[in-house]
Amino acid sequence: MDIAHVKISSHNKKIDYEKYKNMLPLDRTIQLHICSCEFNSDHLAYDAHNYPTEEEFLEVKHLLDKLDIQYLTIEYYKDTDCLIQSLKRAQELL
């Protein structure tokens, strides 16, 4: 499950994030993709593969507690040092 994609879809469809997320087959989720999205000038969300914020990491923690997650993938490629920091933060959650 790509957390940013869920946030993007829920925002652009004007559906509450939690409600939209809970409509997904979460019981089948074994992998989380982690990054943050952006909003364009029309206020539509899109997948920018930005550095994951603390909000994304809190969501990861919540999902790790709830689901049988086996894999975490950080989808951030703009800065190696930031990527390493986000990998360390993800490891702390495990």
PDB file of N, CA and C in Angstrom:
ATOM      1  N   MET A   1       0.837  -1.167   0.000  1.00  0.00           N
ATOM      2  CA  MET A   1       0.000   0.000   0.000  1.00  0.00           C
ATOM      3  C   MET A   1       0.885   1.235   0.000  1.00  0.00           C
ATOM      4  N   ASP A   2       0.625   2.109  -0.908  1.00  0.00           N
ATOM      5  CA  ASP A   2       1.356   3.369  -0.986  1.00  0.00           C
ATOM      6  C   ASP A   2       0.568   4.421  -0.206  1.00  0.00           C
ATOM      7  N   ILE A   3       1.110   4.827   0.923  1.00  0.00           N
ATOM      8  CA  ILE A   3       0.410   5.765   1.800  1.00  0.00           C
ATOM      9  C   ILE A   3       0.101   7.067   1.066  1.00  0.00           C
ATOM     10  N   ALA A   4       1.051   7.574   0.291  1.00  0.00           N
ATOM     11  CA  ALA A   4       0.808   8.819  -0.450  1.00  0.00           C
ATOM     12  C   ALA A   4      -0.325   8.638  -1.454  1.00  0.00           C
ATOM     13  N   HIS A   5      -0.394   7.493  -2.112  1.00  0.00           N
ATOM     14  CA  HIS A   5      -1.471   7.261  -3.082  1.00  0.00           C
ATOM     15  C   HIS A   5      -2.834   7.267  -2.403  1.00  0.00           C
ATOM     16  N   VAL A   6      -2.908   6.698  -1.217  1.00  0.00           N
ATOM     17  CA  VAL A   6      -4.177   6.695  -0.478  1.00  0.00           C
ATOM     18  C   VAL A   6      -4.553   8.126  -0.103  1.00  0.00           C
ATOM     19  N   LYS A   7      -3.573   8.892   0.356  1.00  0.00           N
ATOM     20  CA  LYS A   7      -3.846  10.291   0.713  1.00  0.00           C
ATOM     21  C   LYS A   7      -4.253  11.101  -0.517  1.00  0.00           C
ATOM     22  N   ILE A   8      -3.569  10.882  -1.621  1.00  0.00           N
ATOM     23  CA  ILE A   8      -3.878  11.597  -2.864  1.00  0.00           C
ATOM     24  C   ILE A   8      -5.287  11.267  -3.335  1.00  0.00           C
ATOM     25  N   SER A   9      -5.601   9.989  -3.395  1.00  0.00           N
ATOM     26  CA  SER A   9      -6.928   9.583  -3.872  1.00  0.00           C
ATOM     27  C   SER A   9      -8.026  10.099  -2.965  1.00  0.00           C
ATOM     28  N   SER A  10      -7.834   9.982  -1.655  1.00  0.00           N
ATOM     29  CA  SER A  10      -8.874  10.446  -0.736  1.00  0.00           C
ATOM     30  C   SER A  10      -9.055  11.958  -0.850  1.00  0.00           C
ATOM     31  N   HIS A  11      -7.955  12.689  -0.937  1.00  0.00           N
ATOM     32  CA  HIS A  11      -8.040  14.156  -1.059  1.00  0.00           C
ATOM     33  C   HIS A  11      -8.733  14.555  -2.358  1.00  0.00           C
ATOM     34  N   ASN A  12      -8.284  13.979  -3.470  1.00  0.00           N
ATOM     35  CA  ASN A  12      -8.824  14.369  -4.773  1.00  0.00           C
ATOM     36  C   ASN A  12     -10.266  13.916  -4.970  1.00  0.00           C
ATOM     37  N   LYS A  13     -10.671  12.845  -4.296  1.00  0.00           N
ATOM     38  CA  LYS A  13     -12.056  12.372  -4.369  1.00  0.00           C
ATOM     39  C   LYS A  13     -12.929  13.002  -3.286  1.00  0.00           C
ATOM     40  N   LYS A  14     -12.280  13.814  -2.421  1.00  0.00           N
ATOM     41  CA  LYS A  14     -12.980  14.478  -1.313  1.00  0.00           C
ATOM     42  C   LYS A  14     -13.642  13.465  -0.373  1.00  0.00           C
ATOM     43  N   ILE A  15     -12.877  12.428  -0.042  1.00  0.00           N
ATOM     44  CA  ILE A  15     -13.307  11.398   0.895  1.00  0.00           C
ATOM     45  C   ILE A  15     -12.355  11.436   2.080  1.00  0.00           C
ATOM     46  N   ASP A  16     -12.879  11.353   3.277  1.00  0.00           N
ATOM     47  CA  ASP A  16     -12.049  11.324   4.475  1.00  0.00           C
ATOM     48  C   ASP A  16     -10.986  10.230   4.333  1.00  0.00           C
ATOM     49  N   TYR A  17      -9.745  10.584   4.679  1.00  0.00           N
ATOM     50  CA  TYR A  17      -8.626   9.646   4.534  1.00  0.00           C
ATOM     51  C   TYR A  17      -8.885   8.318   5.242  1.00  0.00           C
ATOM     52  N   GLU A  18      -9.290   8.373   6.504  1.00  0.00           N
ATOM     53  CA  GLU A  18      -9.518   7.137   7.265  1.00  0.00           C
ATOM     54  C   GLU A  18     -10.622   6.295   6.630  1.00  0.00           C
ATOM     55  N   LYS A  19     -11.672   6.949   6.199  1.00  0.00           N
ATOM     56  CA  LYS A  19     -12.777   6.230   5.556  1.00  0.00           C
ATOM     57  C   LYS A  19     -12.292   5.568   4.265  1.00  0.00           C
ATOM     58  N   TYR A  20     -11.559   6.327   3.451  1.00  0.00           N
ATOM     59  CA  TYR A  20     -11.050   5.785   2.186  1.00  0.00           C
ATOM     60  C   TYR A  20     -10.091   4.624   2.454  1.00  0.00           C
ATOM     61  N   LYS A  21      -9.183   4.824   3.384  1.00  0.00           N
ATOM     62  CA  LYS A  21      -8.206   3.782   3.714  1.00  0.00           C
ATOM     63  C   LYS A  21      -8.905   2.506   4.162  1.00  0.00           C
ATOM     64  N   ASN A  22      -9.924   2.655   4.977  1.00  0.00           N
ATOM     65  CA  ASN A  22     -10.624   1.479   5.498  1.00  0.00           C
ATOM     66  C   ASN A  22     -11.480   0.774   4.452  1.00  0.00           C
ATOM     67  N   MET A  23     -11.657   1.400   3.292  1.00  0.00           N
ATOM     68  CA  MET A  23     -12.355   0.741   2.189  1.00  0.00           C
ATOM     69  C   MET A  23     -11.423  -0.205   1.427  1.00  0.00           C
ATOM     70  N   LEU A  24     -10.137  -0.092   1.676  1.00  0.00           N
ATOM     71  CA  LEU A  24      -9.140  -0.914   0.989  1.00  0.00           C
ATOM     72  C   LEU A  24      -9.007  -2.278   1.673  1.00  0.00           C
ATOM     73  N   PRO A  25      -8.511  -3.276   0.942  1.00  0.00           N
ATOM     74  CA  PRO A  25      -8.307  -4.608   1.551  1.00  0.00           C
ATOM     75  C   PRO A  25      -7.052  -4.627   2.423  1.00  0.00           C
ATOM     76  N   LEU A  26      -7.098  -3.908   3.536  1.00  0.00           N
ATOM     77  CA  LEU A  26      -5.927  -3.755   4.402  1.00  0.00           C
ATOM     78  C   LEU A  26      -5.409  -5.091   4.924  1.00  0.00           C
ATOM     79  N   ASP A  27      -6.294  -6.052   5.093  1.00  0.00           N
ATOM     80  CA  ASP A  27      -5.878  -7.354   5.611  1.00  0.00           C
ATOM     81  C   ASP A  27      -4.932  -8.075   4.660  1.00  0.00           C
ATOM     82  N   ARG A  28      -4.848  -7.621   3.421  1.00  0.00           N
ATOM     83  CA  ARG A  28      -3.944  -8.221   2.430  1.00  0.00           C
ATOM     84  C   ARG A  28      -2.648  -7.433   2.270  1.00  0.00           C
ATOM     85  N   THR A  29      -2.501  -6.369   3.030  1.00  0.00           N
ATOM     86  CA  THR A  29      -1.338  -5.490   2.889  1.00  0.00           C
ATOM     87  C   THR A  29      -0.132  -6.074   3.605  1.00  0.00           C
ATOM     88  N   ILE A  30       0.972  -6.223   2.860  1.00  0.00           N
ATOM     89  CA  ILE A  30       2.218  -6.713   3.460  1.00  0.00           C
ATOM     90  C   ILE A  30       3.375  -5.722   3.275  1.00  0.00           C
ATOM     91  N   GLN A  31       3.148  -4.694   2.446  1.00  0.00           N
ATOM     92  CA  GLN A  31       4.212  -3.729   2.177  1.00  0.00           C
ATOM     93  C   GLN A  31       3.633  -2.325   2.211  1.00  0.00           C
ATOM     94  N   LEU A  32       4.423  -1.392   2.768  1.00  0.00           N
ATOM     95  CA  LEU A  32       4.051   0.015   2.773  1.00  0.00           C
ATOM     96  C   LEU A  32       5.078   0.814   2.000  1.00  0.00           C
ATOM     97  N   HIS A  33       4.596   1.694   1.123  1.00  0.00           N
ATOM     98  CA  HIS A  33       5.448   2.660   0.437  1.00  0.00           C
ATOM     99  C   HIS A  33       5.264   3.985   1.159  1.00  0.00           C
ATOM    100  N   ILE A  34       6.377   4.642   1.456  1.00  0.00           N
ATOM    101  CA  ILE A  34       6.351   5.809   2.329  1.00  0.00           C
ATOM    102  C   ILE A  34       6.989   7.014   1.642  1.00  0.00           C
ATOM    103  N   CYS A  35       6.219   8.066   1.487  1.00  0.00           N
ATOM    104  CA  CYS A  35       6.703   9.372   1.044  1.00  0.00           C
ATOM    105  C   CYS A  35       5.563  10.346   1.277  1.00  0.00           C
ATOM    106  N   SER A  36       5.761  11.599   0.954  1.00  0.00           N
ATOM    107  CA  SER A  36       4.666  12.557   1.096  1.00  0.00           C
ATOM    108  C   SER A  36       4.334  13.155  -0.267  1.00  0.00           C
ATOM    109  N   CYS A  37       3.125  13.642  -0.369  1.00  0.00           N
ATOM    110  CA  CYS A  37       2.642  14.185  -1.636  1.00  0.00           C
ATOM    111  C   CYS A  37       2.715  15.711  -1.623  1.00  0.00           C
ATOM    112  N   GLU A  38       2.346  16.305  -2.747  1.00  0.00           N
ATOM    113  CA  GLU A  38       2.259  17.758  -2.879  1.00  0.00           C
ATOM    114  C   GLU A  38       0.911  18.109  -3.470  1.00  0.00           C
ATOM    115  N   PHE A  39       0.632  19.404  -3.499  1.00  0.00           N
ATOM    116  CA  PHE A  39      -0.616  19.910  -4.063  1.00  0.00           C
ATOM    117  C   PHE A  39      -0.285  20.928  -5.146  1.00  0.00           C
ATOM    118  N   ASN A  40      -0.990  20.831  -6.272  1.00  0.00           N
ATOM    119  CA  ASN A  40      -0.748  21.778  -7.358  1.00  0.00           C
ATOM    120  C   ASN A  40      -1.568  23.049  -7.158  1.00  0.00           C
ATOM    121  N   SER A  41      -1.499  23.937  -8.116  1.00  0.00           N
ATOM    122  CA  SER A  41      -2.189  25.225  -7.986  1.00  0.00           C
ATOM    123  C   SER A  41      -3.709  25.079  -7.961  1.00  0.00           C
ATOM    124  N   ASP A  42      -4.222  23.957  -8.429  1.00  0.00           N
ATOM    125  CA  ASP A  42      -5.665  23.689  -8.379  1.00  0.00           C
ATOM    126  C   ASP A  42      -6.052  22.940  -7.108  1.00  0.00           C
ATOM    127  N   HIS A  43      -5.109  22.804  -6.184  1.00  0.00           N
ATOM    128  CA  HIS A  43      -5.314  22.119  -4.899  1.00  0.00           C
ATOM    129  C   HIS A  43      -5.557  20.621  -5.067  1.00  0.00           C
ATOM    130  N   LEU A  44      -5.086  20.060  -6.174  1.00  0.00           N
ATOM    131  CA  LEU A  44      -5.136  18.613  -6.362  1.00  0.00           C
ATOM    132  C   LEU A  44      -3.827  18.019  -5.857  1.00  0.00           C
ATOM    133  N   ALA A  45      -3.938  16.908  -5.167  1.00  0.00           N
ATOM    134  CA  ALA A  45      -2.750  16.236  -4.646  1.00  0.00           C
ATOM    135  C   ALA A  45      -2.122  15.399  -5.749  1.00  0.00           C
ATOM    136  N   TYR A  46      -0.794  15.272  -5.693  1.00  0.00           N
ATOM    137  CA  TYR A  46      -0.083  14.403  -6.639  1.00  0.00           C
ATOM    138  C   TYR A  46       1.124  13.793  -5.948  1.00  0.00           C
ATOM    139  N   ASP A  47       1.599  12.705  -6.508  1.00  0.00           N
ATOM    140  CA  ASP A  47       2.707  11.958  -5.909  1.00  0.00           C
ATOM    141  C   ASP A  47       4.028  12.607  -6.300  1.00  0.00           C
ATOM    142  N   ALA A  48       4.592  13.351  -5.372  1.00  0.00           N
ATOM    143  CA  ALA A  48       5.848  14.060  -5.619  1.00  0.00           C
ATOM    144  C   ALA A  48       7.053  13.298  -5.087  1.00  0.00           C
ATOM    145  N   HIS A  49       6.805  12.185  -4.417  1.00  0.00           N
ATOM    146  CA  HIS A  49       7.875  11.404  -3.792  1.00  0.00           C
ATOM    147  C   HIS A  49       8.741  12.292  -2.898  1.00  0.00           C
ATOM    148  N   ASN A  50       8.069  13.140  -2.133  1.00  0.00           N
ATOM    149  CA  ASN A  50       8.766  14.012  -1.194  1.00  0.00           C
ATOM    150  C   ASN A  50       9.186  13.234   0.050  1.00  0.00           C
ATOM    151  N   TYR A  51      10.111  13.859   0.770  1.00  0.00           N
ATOM    152  CA  TYR A  51      10.583  13.285   2.027  1.00  0.00           C
ATOM    153  C   TYR A  51       9.390  13.022   2.941  1.00  0.00           C
ATOM    154  N   PRO A  52       9.306  11.820   3.525  1.00  0.00           N
ATOM    155  CA  PRO A  52       8.183  11.530   4.420  1.00  0.00           C
ATOM    156  C   PRO A  52       8.235  12.407   5.666  1.00  0.00           C
ATOM    157  N   THR A  53       7.092  12.946   6.015  1.00  0.00           N
ATOM    158  CA  THR A  53       6.987  13.789   7.206  1.00  0.00           C
ATOM    159  C   THR A  53       6.705  12.904   8.422  1.00  0.00           C
ATOM    160  N   GLU A  54       6.703  13.522   9.574  1.00  0.00           N
ATOM    161  CA  GLU A  54       6.379  12.779  10.793  1.00  0.00           C
ATOM    162  C   GLU A  54       4.958  12.223  10.712  1.00  0.00           C
ATOM    163  N   GLU A  55       4.079  12.911  10.014  1.00  0.00           N
ATOM    164  CA  GLU A  55       2.710  12.412   9.817  1.00  0.00           C
ATOM    165  C   GLU A  55       2.716  11.053   9.113  1.00  0.00           C
ATOM    166  N   GLU A  56       3.530  10.918   8.087  1.00  0.00           N
ATOM    167  CA  GLU A  56       3.626   9.626   7.388  1.00  0.00           C
ATOM    168  C   GLU A  56       4.210   8.554   8.298  1.00  0.00           C
ATOM    169  N   PHE A  57       5.223   8.923   9.080  1.00  0.00           N
ATOM    170  CA  PHE A  57       5.818   7.927   9.976  1.00  0.00           C
ATOM    171  C   PHE A  57       4.853   7.508  11.084  1.00  0.00           C
ATOM    172  N   LEU A  58       4.028   8.428  11.554  1.00  0.00           N
ATOM    173  CA  LEU A  58       3.009   8.056  12.549  1.00  0.00           C
ATOM    174  C   LEU A  58       1.986   7.112  11.931  1.00  0.00           C
ATOM    175  N   GLU A  59       1.642   7.344  10.665  1.00  0.00           N
ATOM    176  CA  GLU A  59       0.724   6.439   9.968  1.00  0.00           C
ATOM    177  C   GLU A  59       1.363   5.061   9.798  1.00  0.00           C
ATOM    178  N   VAL A  60       2.648   5.026   9.480  1.00  0.00           N
ATOM    179  CA  VAL A  60       3.360   3.746   9.365  1.00  0.00           C
ATOM    180  C   VAL A  60       3.295   3.005  10.697  1.00  0.00           C
ATOM    181  N   LYS A  61       3.571   3.709  11.780  1.00  0.00           N
ATOM    182  CA  LYS A  61       3.527   3.078  13.105  1.00  0.00           C
ATOM    183  C   LYS A  61       2.143   2.510  13.384  1.00  0.00           C
ATOM    184  N   HIS A  62       1.117   3.283  13.087  1.00  0.00           N
ATOM    185  CA  HIS A  62      -0.258   2.821  13.282  1.00  0.00           C
ATOM    186  C   HIS A  62      -0.531   1.556  12.462  1.00  0.00           C
ATOM    187  N   LEU A  63      -0.105   1.553  11.209  1.00  0.00           N
ATOM    188  CA  LEU A  63      -0.343   0.399  10.339  1.00  0.00           C
ATOM    189  C   LEU A  63       0.491  -0.813  10.748  1.00  0.00           C
ATOM    190  N   LEU A  64       1.707  -0.568  11.231  1.00  0.00           N
ATOM    191  CA  LEU A  64       2.540  -1.677  11.719  1.00  0.00           C
ATOM    192  C   LEU A  64       1.897  -2.349  12.921  1.00  0.00           C
ATOM    193  N   ASP A  65       1.251  -1.556  13.770  1.00  0.00           N
ATOM    194  CA  ASP A  65       0.582  -2.107  14.951  1.00  0.00           C
ATOM    195  C   ASP A  65      -0.671  -2.889  14.581  1.00  0.00           C
ATOM    196  N   LYS A  66      -1.275  -2.526  13.460  1.00  0.00           N
ATOM    197  CA  LYS A  66      -2.570  -3.080  13.080  1.00  0.00           C
ATOM    198  C   LYS A  66      -2.477  -4.227  12.067  1.00  0.00           C
ATOM    199  N   LEU A  67      -1.492  -4.176  11.182  1.00  0.00           N
ATOM    200  CA  LEU A  67      -1.408  -5.107  10.054  1.00  0.00           C
ATOM    201  C   LEU A  67      -0.139  -5.957  10.116  1.00  0.00           C
ATOM    202  N   ASP A  68      -0.112  -6.979   9.303  1.00  0.00           N
ATOM    203  CA  ASP A  68       1.063  -7.857   9.219  1.00  0.00           C
ATOM    204  C   ASP A  68       1.992  -7.353   8.115  1.00  0.00           C
ATOM    205  N   ILE A  69       2.611  -6.214   8.360  1.00  0.00           N
ATOM    206  CA  ILE A  69       3.496  -5.594   7.367  1.00  0.00           C
ATOM    207  C   ILE A  69       4.852  -6.286   7.402  1.00  0.00           C
ATOM    208  N   GLN A  70       5.319  -6.677   6.223  1.00  0.00           N
ATOM    209  CA  GLN A  70       6.608  -7.354   6.116  1.00  0.00           C
ATOM    210  C   GLN A  70       7.689  -6.486   5.487  1.00  0.00           C
ATOM    211  N   TYR A  71       7.277  -5.461   4.725  1.00  0.00           N
ATOM    212  CA  TYR A  71       8.247  -4.649   3.988  1.00  0.00           C
ATOM    213  C   TYR A  71       7.882  -3.177   4.079  1.00  0.00           C
ATOM    214  N   LEU A  72       8.911  -2.338   4.238  1.00  0.00           N
ATOM    215  CA  LEU A  72       8.755  -0.894   4.170  1.00  0.00           C
ATOM    216  C   LEU A  72       9.651  -0.376   3.055  1.00  0.00           C
ATOM    217  N   THR A  73       9.104   0.482   2.214  1.00  0.00           N
ATOM    218  CA  THR A  73       9.876   1.073   1.123  1.00  0.00           C
ATOM    219  C   THR A  73       9.748   2.584   1.203  1.00  0.00           C
ATOM    220  N   ILE A  74      10.879   3.262   1.360  1.00  0.00           N
ATOM    221  CA  ILE A  74      10.892   4.719   1.337  1.00  0.00           C
ATOM    222  C   ILE A  74      10.985   5.132  -0.127  1.00  0.00           C
ATOM    223  N   GLU A  75      10.027   5.920  -0.579  1.00  0.00           N
ATOM    224  CA  GLU A  75      10.025   6.380  -1.970  1.00  0.00           C
ATOM    225  C   GLU A  75      10.455   7.845  -2.035  1.00  0.00           C
ATOM    226  N   TYR A  76      11.693   8.051  -1.690  1.00  0.00           N
ATOM    227  CA  TYR A  76      12.269   9.390  -1.712  1.00  0.00           C
ATOM    228  C   TYR A  76      13.665   9.265  -2.299  1.00  0.00           C
ATOM    229  N   TYR A  77      13.949  10.021  -3.350  1.00  0.00           N
ATOM    230  CA  TYR A  77      15.203   9.834  -4.076  1.00  0.00           C
ATOM    231  C   TYR A  77      15.961  11.132  -4.329  1.00  0.00           C
ATOM    232  N   LYS A  78      15.560  12.229  -3.707  1.00  0.00           N
ATOM    233  CA  LYS A  78      16.119  13.535  -4.049  1.00  0.00           C
ATOM    234  C   LYS A  78      17.411  13.871  -3.314  1.00  0.00           C
ATOM    235  N   ASP A  79      17.631  13.270  -2.150  1.00  0.00           N
ATOM    236  CA  ASP A  79      18.806  13.601  -1.353  1.00  0.00           C
ATOM    237  C   ASP A  79      19.214  12.365  -0.555  1.00  0.00           C
ATOM    238  N   THR A  80      20.428  11.918  -0.762  1.00  0.00           N
ATOM    239  CA  THR A  80      20.899  10.684  -0.131  1.00  0.00           C
ATOM    240  C   THR A  80      20.901  10.783   1.389  1.00  0.00           C
ATOM    241  N   ASP A  81      21.361  11.900   1.927  1.00  0.00           N
ATOM    242  CA  ASP A  81      21.404  12.047   3.382  1.00  0.00           C
ATOM    243  C   ASP A  81      20.004  11.987   3.991  1.00  0.00           C
ATOM    244  N   CYS A  82      19.050  12.633   3.349  1.00  0.00           N
ATOM    245  CA  CYS A  82      17.667  12.593   3.844  1.00  0.00           C
ATOM    246  C   CYS A  82      17.097  11.186   3.715  1.00  0.00           C
ATOM    247  N   LEU A  83      17.427  10.502   2.631  1.00  0.00           N
ATOM    248  CA  LEU A  83      16.964   9.123   2.457  1.00  0.00           C
ATOM    249  C   LEU A  83      17.499   8.249   3.589  1.00  0.00           C
ATOM    250  N   ILE A  84      18.759   8.402   3.913  1.00  0.00           N
ATOM    251  CA  ILE A  84      19.350   7.617   5.005  1.00  0.00           C
ATOM    252  C   ILE A  84      18.649   7.930   6.317  1.00  0.00           C
ATOM    253  N   GLN A  85      18.355   9.200   6.572  1.00  0.00           N
ATOM    254  CA  GLN A  85      17.641   9.582   7.800  1.00  0.00           C
ATOM    255  C   GLN A  85      16.246   8.965   7.840  1.00  0.00           C
ATOM    256  N   SER A  86      15.563   8.950   6.705  1.00  0.00           N
ATOM    257  CA  SER A  86      14.216   8.371   6.690  1.00  0.00           C
ATOM    258  C   SER A  86      14.273   6.855   6.859  1.00  0.00           C
ATOM    259  N   LEU A  87      15.304   6.226   6.343  1.00  0.00           N
ATOM    260  CA  LEU A  87      15.472   4.782   6.549  1.00  0.00           C
ATOM    261  C   LEU A  87      15.720   4.479   8.025  1.00  0.00           C
ATOM    262  N   LYS A  88      16.522   5.322   8.674  1.00  0.00           N
ATOM    263  CA  LYS A  88      16.766   5.149  10.111  1.00  0.00           C
ATOM    264  C   LYS A  88      15.483   5.339  10.902  1.00  0.00           C
ATOM    265  N   ARG A  89      14.690   6.330  10.509  1.00  0.00           N
ATOM    266  CA  ARG A  89      13.418   6.582  11.207  1.00  0.00           C
ATOM    267  C   ARG A  89      12.470   5.398  11.020  1.00  0.00           C
ATOM    268  N   ALA A  90      12.414   4.850   9.830  1.00  0.00           N
ATOM    269  CA  ALA A  90      11.575   3.691   9.571  1.00  0.00           C
ATOM    270  C   ALA A  90      12.046   2.497  10.403  1.00  0.00           C
ATOM    271  N   GLN A  91      13.342   2.328  10.498  1.00  0.00           N
ATOM    272  CA  GLN A  91      13.907   1.219  11.285  1.00  0.00           C
ATOM    273  C   GLN A  91      13.527   1.353  12.762  1.00  0.00           C
ATOM    274  N   GLU A  92      13.493   2.583  13.268  1.00  0.00           N
ATOM    275  CA  GLU A  92      13.083   2.803  14.656  1.00  0.00           C
ATOM    276  C   GLU A  92      11.667   2.302  14.911  1.00  0.00           C
ATOM    277  N   LEU A  93      10.823   2.380  13.916  1.00  0.00           N
ATOM    278  CA  LEU A  93       9.427   1.956  14.060  1.00  0.00           C
ATOM    279  C   LEU A  93       9.300   0.444  14.146  1.00  0.00           C
ATOM    280  N   LEU A  94      10.294  -0.238  13.620  1.00  0.00           N
ATOM    281  CA  LEU A  94      10.271  -1.697  13.652  1.00  0.00           C
ATOM    282  C   LEU A  94      10.749  -2.193  15.006  1.00  0.00           C
TER     283      LEU A  94
END
